[in-house]
C-alpha atoms as a PDB file:
ATOM      1  CA  MET A   1      17.852 -32.013  15.981  1.00  0.00           C
ATOM      2  CA  ALA A   2      15.229 -34.485  16.679  1.00  0.00           C
ATOM      3  CA  LEU A   3      16.488 -36.279  19.470  1.00  0.00           C
ATOM      4  CA  ALA A   4      17.253 -33.118  21.593  1.00  0.00           C
ATOM      5  CA  GLY A   5      13.876 -32.303  21.064  1.00  0.00           C
ATOM      6  CA  ARG A   6      12.908 -35.522  22.486  1.00  0.00           C
ATOM      7  CA  VAL A   7      15.074 -35.157  25.553  1.00  0.00           C
ATOM      8  CA  LEU A   8      13.778 -31.271  25.837  1.00  0.00           C
ATOM      9  CA  LEU A   9      10.210 -32.615  26.176  1.00  0.00           C
ATOM     10  CA  GLY A  10      11.560 -35.774  28.580  1.00  0.00           C
ATOM     11  CA  ILE A  11      13.284 -32.995  31.248  1.00  0.00           C
ATOM     12  CA  ARG A  12      10.289 -31.033  30.880  1.00  0.00           C
ATOM     13  CA  ALA A  13       7.723 -33.935  31.657  1.00  0.00           C
ATOM     14  CA  ARG A  14      10.142 -34.992  34.547  1.00  0.00           C
ATOM     15  CA  ARG A  15       9.989 -31.185  35.725  1.00  0.00           C
ATOM     16  CA  CYS A  16       6.391 -31.616  35.568  1.00  0.00           C
ATOM     17  CA  ASP A  17       6.174 -34.735  37.389  1.00  0.00           C
ATOM     18  CA  VAL A  18       8.597 -33.438  40.193  1.00  0.00           C
ATOM     19  CA  LEU A  19       6.041 -30.515  40.730  1.00  0.00           C
ATOM     20  CA  ARG A  20       2.970 -32.147  40.781  1.00  0.00           C
ATOM     21  CA  SER A  21       4.399 -34.509  43.366  1.00  0.00           C
ATOM     22  CA  VAL A  22       5.919 -31.875  45.086  1.00  0.00           C
ATOM     23  CA  LEU A  23       2.421 -30.337  45.168  1.00  0.00           C
ATOM     24  CA  LEU A  24       0.459 -33.442  46.151  1.00  0.00           C
ATOM     25  CA  ASN A  25       2.890 -33.745  49.270  1.00  0.00           C
ATOM     26  CA  LEU A  26       1.924 -30.356  50.625  1.00  0.00           C
ATOM     27  CA  SER A  27      -1.630 -30.816  49.841  1.00  0.00           C
ATOM     28  CA  GLN A  28      -1.469 -34.221  51.997  1.00  0.00           C
ATOM     29  CA  THR A  29       0.203 -32.569  55.254  1.00  0.00           C
ATOM     30  CA  SER A  30      -1.217 -29.293  54.800  1.00  0.00           C
ATOM     31  CA  SER A  31      -3.131 -28.768  57.722  1.00  0.00           C
ATOM     32  CA  HIS A  32      -5.613 -26.444  55.408  1.00  0.00           C
ATOM     33  CA  SER A  33      -8.642 -27.983  54.512  1.00  0.00           C
ATOM     34  CA  LYS A  34      -8.849 -30.608  51.527  1.00  0.00           C
ATOM     35  CA  SER A  35     -11.416 -28.295  49.811  1.00  0.00           C
ATOM     36  CA  HIS A  36      -8.016 -26.402  47.864  1.00  0.00           C
ATOM     37  CA  VAL A  37      -7.446 -27.806  44.632  1.00  0.00           C
ATOM     38  CA  PHE A  38      -4.214 -27.367  43.160  1.00  0.00           C
ATOM     39  CA  ARG A  39      -3.772 -27.333  39.333  1.00  0.00           C
ATOM     40  CA  ASP A  40      -1.229 -28.798  37.113  1.00  0.00           C
ATOM     41  CA  VAL A  41       1.845 -26.339  36.486  1.00  0.00           C
ATOM     42  CA  HIS A  42       2.621 -25.702  32.966  1.00  0.00           C
ATOM     43  CA  THR A  43       5.963 -25.202  32.028  1.00  0.00           C
ATOM     44  CA  SER A  44       5.884 -25.408  28.194  1.00  0.00           C
ATOM     45  CA  ALA A  45       8.217 -22.562  26.132  1.00  0.00           C
ATOM     46  CA  GLY A  46       4.413 -21.682  24.311  1.00  0.00           C
ATOM     47  CA  ALA A  47       3.632 -19.836  27.501  1.00  0.00           C
ATOM     48  CA  PHE A  48       6.556 -18.028  27.855  1.00  0.00           C
ATOM     49  CA  ALA A  49       7.219 -17.200  24.130  1.00  0.00           C
ATOM     50  CA  GLY A  50       5.590 -13.782  24.035  1.00  0.00           C
ATOM     51  CA  HIS A  51       2.688 -14.444  21.943  1.00  0.00           C
ATOM     52  CA  ASN A  52      -0.281 -12.376  22.247  1.00  0.00           C
ATOM     53  CA  LYS A  53      -3.232 -10.924  19.730  1.00  0.00           C
ATOM     54  CA  TRP A  54      -1.923  -8.081  19.075  1.00  0.00           C
ATOM     55  CA  SER A  55       1.497  -9.728  17.538  1.00  0.00           C
ATOM     56  CA  LYS A  56      -1.488 -11.394  14.915  1.00  0.00           C
ATOM     57  CA  VAL A  57      -3.848  -8.701  14.044  1.00  0.00           C
ATOM     58  CA  ARG A  58      -1.361  -6.028  13.666  1.00  0.00           C
ATOM     59  CA  HIS A  59      -0.109  -7.859  10.336  1.00  0.00           C
ATOM     60  CA  ILE A  60      -3.897  -7.925   9.164  1.00  0.00           C
ATOM     61  CA  LYS A  61      -4.796  -4.192  10.844  1.00  0.00           C
ATOM     62  CA  GLY A  62      -1.766  -2.135   9.555  1.00  0.00           C
ATOM     63  CA  PRO A  63      -1.975  -2.813   5.883  1.00  0.00           C
ATOM     64  CA  LYS A  64      -5.603  -1.776   6.474  1.00  0.00           C
ATOM     65  CA  ASP A  65      -4.936   1.104   8.152  1.00  0.00           C
ATOM     66  CA  GLU A  66      -2.567   1.796   5.563  1.00  0.00           C
ATOM     67  CA  ALA A  67      -4.836   1.850   2.587  1.00  0.00           C
ATOM     68  CA  LYS A  68      -7.536   3.839   4.237  1.00  0.00           C
ATOM     69  CA  SER A  69      -5.192   6.519   4.983  1.00  0.00           C
ATOM     70  CA  LYS A  70      -4.228   7.077   1.688  1.00  0.00           C
ATOM     71  CA  VAL A  71      -7.912   7.070   0.400  1.00  0.00           C
ATOM     72  CA  PHE A  72      -8.889   9.811   3.253  1.00  0.00           C
ATOM     73  CA  ALA A  73      -5.734  11.644   2.276  1.00  0.00           C
ATOM     74  CA  LYS A  74      -6.866  11.941  -1.581  1.00  0.00           C
ATOM     75  CA  TYR A  75     -10.208  12.732  -0.388  1.00  0.00           C
ATOM     76  CA  ALA A  76      -9.119  15.554   1.459  1.00  0.00           C
ATOM     77  CA  LEU A  77      -6.911  16.625  -1.379  1.00  0.00           C
ATOM     78  CA  GLN A  78     -10.034  16.677  -3.377  1.00  0.00           C
ATOM     79  CA  ILE A  79     -11.868  18.499  -0.732  1.00  0.00           C
ATOM     80  CA  ARG A  80      -9.476  21.228  -0.518  1.00  0.00           C
ATOM     81  CA  LEU A  81      -8.907  21.953  -4.141  1.00  0.00           C
ATOM     82  CA  ALA A  82     -13.357  22.005  -4.547  1.00  0.00           C
ATOM     83  CA  VAL A  83     -13.208  24.401  -1.725  1.00  0.00           C
ATOM     84  CA  LYS A  84     -10.794  26.671  -3.057  1.00  0.00           C
ATOM     85  CA  GLU A  85     -12.397  26.344  -7.020  1.00  0.00           C
ATOM     86  CA  ASP A  86     -15.874  27.103  -5.773  1.00  0.00           C
ATOM     87  CA  GLY A  87     -16.257  27.899  -2.276  1.00  0.00           C
ATOM     88  CA  PRO A  88     -16.968  25.719   1.208  1.00  0.00           C
ATOM     89  CA  ASP A  89     -20.466  25.785   1.041  1.00  0.00           C
ATOM     90  CA  PRO A  90     -21.697  22.082  -0.522  1.00  0.00           C
ATOM     91  CA  GLU A  91     -25.202  23.481  -1.283  1.00  0.00           C
ATOM     92  CA  LEU A  92     -23.657  25.726  -3.797  1.00  0.00           C
ATOM     93  CA  ASN A  93     -20.998  23.908  -4.961  1.00  0.00           C
ATOM     94  CA  SER A  94     -21.602  20.570  -6.096  1.00  0.00           C
ATOM     95  CA  LYS A  95     -18.430  19.423  -6.999  1.00  0.00           C
ATOM     96  CA  LEU A  96     -17.924  19.642  -2.891  1.00  0.00           C
ATOM     97  CA  GLY A  97     -20.812  17.557  -1.871  1.00  0.00           C
ATOM     98  CA  SER A  98     -20.693  14.875  -4.064  1.00  0.00           C
ATOM     99  CA  ILE A  99     -16.948  14.538  -2.894  1.00  0.00           C
ATOM    100  CA  ILE A 100     -18.219  14.633   1.038  1.00  0.00           C
ATOM    101  CA  ARG A 101     -21.087  12.220   0.085  1.00  0.00           C
ATOM    102  CA  THR A 102     -18.271   9.267  -1.576  1.00  0.00           C
ATOM    103  CA  ALA A 103     -16.324  10.333   1.485  1.00  0.00           C
ATOM    104  CA  LYS A 104     -18.669   9.395   4.111  1.00  0.00           C
ATOM    105  CA  ASP A 105     -19.872   6.480   1.988  1.00  0.00           C
ATOM    106  CA  HIS A 106     -16.276   5.372   2.289  1.00  0.00           C
ATOM    107  CA  GLY A 107     -16.412   6.095   5.808  1.00  0.00           C
ATOM    108  CA  MET A 108     -14.308   9.254   6.191  1.00  0.00           C
ATOM    109  CA  THR A 109     -15.597  10.775   9.701  1.00  0.00           C
ATOM    110  CA  LYS A 110     -17.479  14.177   9.993  1.00  0.00           C
ATOM    111  CA  ALA A 111     -14.495  15.387  11.785  1.00  0.00           C
ATOM    112  CA  SER A 112     -11.771  14.932   9.163  1.00  0.00           C
ATOM    113  CA  ILE A 113     -14.081  16.316   6.213  1.00  0.00           C
ATOM    114  CA  ASP A 114     -14.750  19.319   8.457  1.00  0.00           C
ATOM    115  CA  HIS A 115     -11.174  20.023   8.794  1.00  0.00           C
ATOM    116  CA  ALA A 116     -10.170  19.562   5.199  1.00  0.00           C
ATOM    117  CA  VAL A 117     -12.508  22.166   4.536  1.00  0.00           C
ATOM    118  CA  LYS A 118     -11.180  24.360   7.056  1.00  0.00           C
ATOM    119  CA  THR A 119      -7.690  23.944   6.229  1.00  0.00           C
ATOM    120  CA  PRO A 120      -5.946  27.289   5.600  1.00  0.00           C
ATOM    121  CA  GLY A 121      -4.638  26.165   2.041  1.00  0.00           C
ATOM    122  CA  SER A 122      -8.165  25.707   1.075  1.00  0.00           C
ATOM    123  CA  VAL A 123      -9.844  29.397   2.391  1.00  0.00           C
ATOM    124  CA  TRP A 124     -12.204  30.596   0.362  1.00  0.00           C
ATOM    125  CA  GLN A 125     -11.520  34.421  -0.817  1.00  0.00           C
END
């Protein structure tokens, strides 16, 4: 296995040398000015392996977003239940006010809180 890897690396190295020499010959025979700079051509497998930043971020972001979603769903349920029990006004409903403060402290958006207060299942009657 190690020998196959060395042979493969040798082939890639020779391929880079050939490309470099072709580019060098082109730059010498070219009628263009010598101000053109030819960069090295990289033909390593790592450049074409399909790795990107998102493939690393998604494994970290996914579980965090899932946990946040569960917490926000619990707060939304608590808000709905508090609205059903004592009404949608947080000034008159102390339980609702404390749940909303806790939800805001944990990063729940105002739009999500308003939606939980106004959902059809939690209409004050």
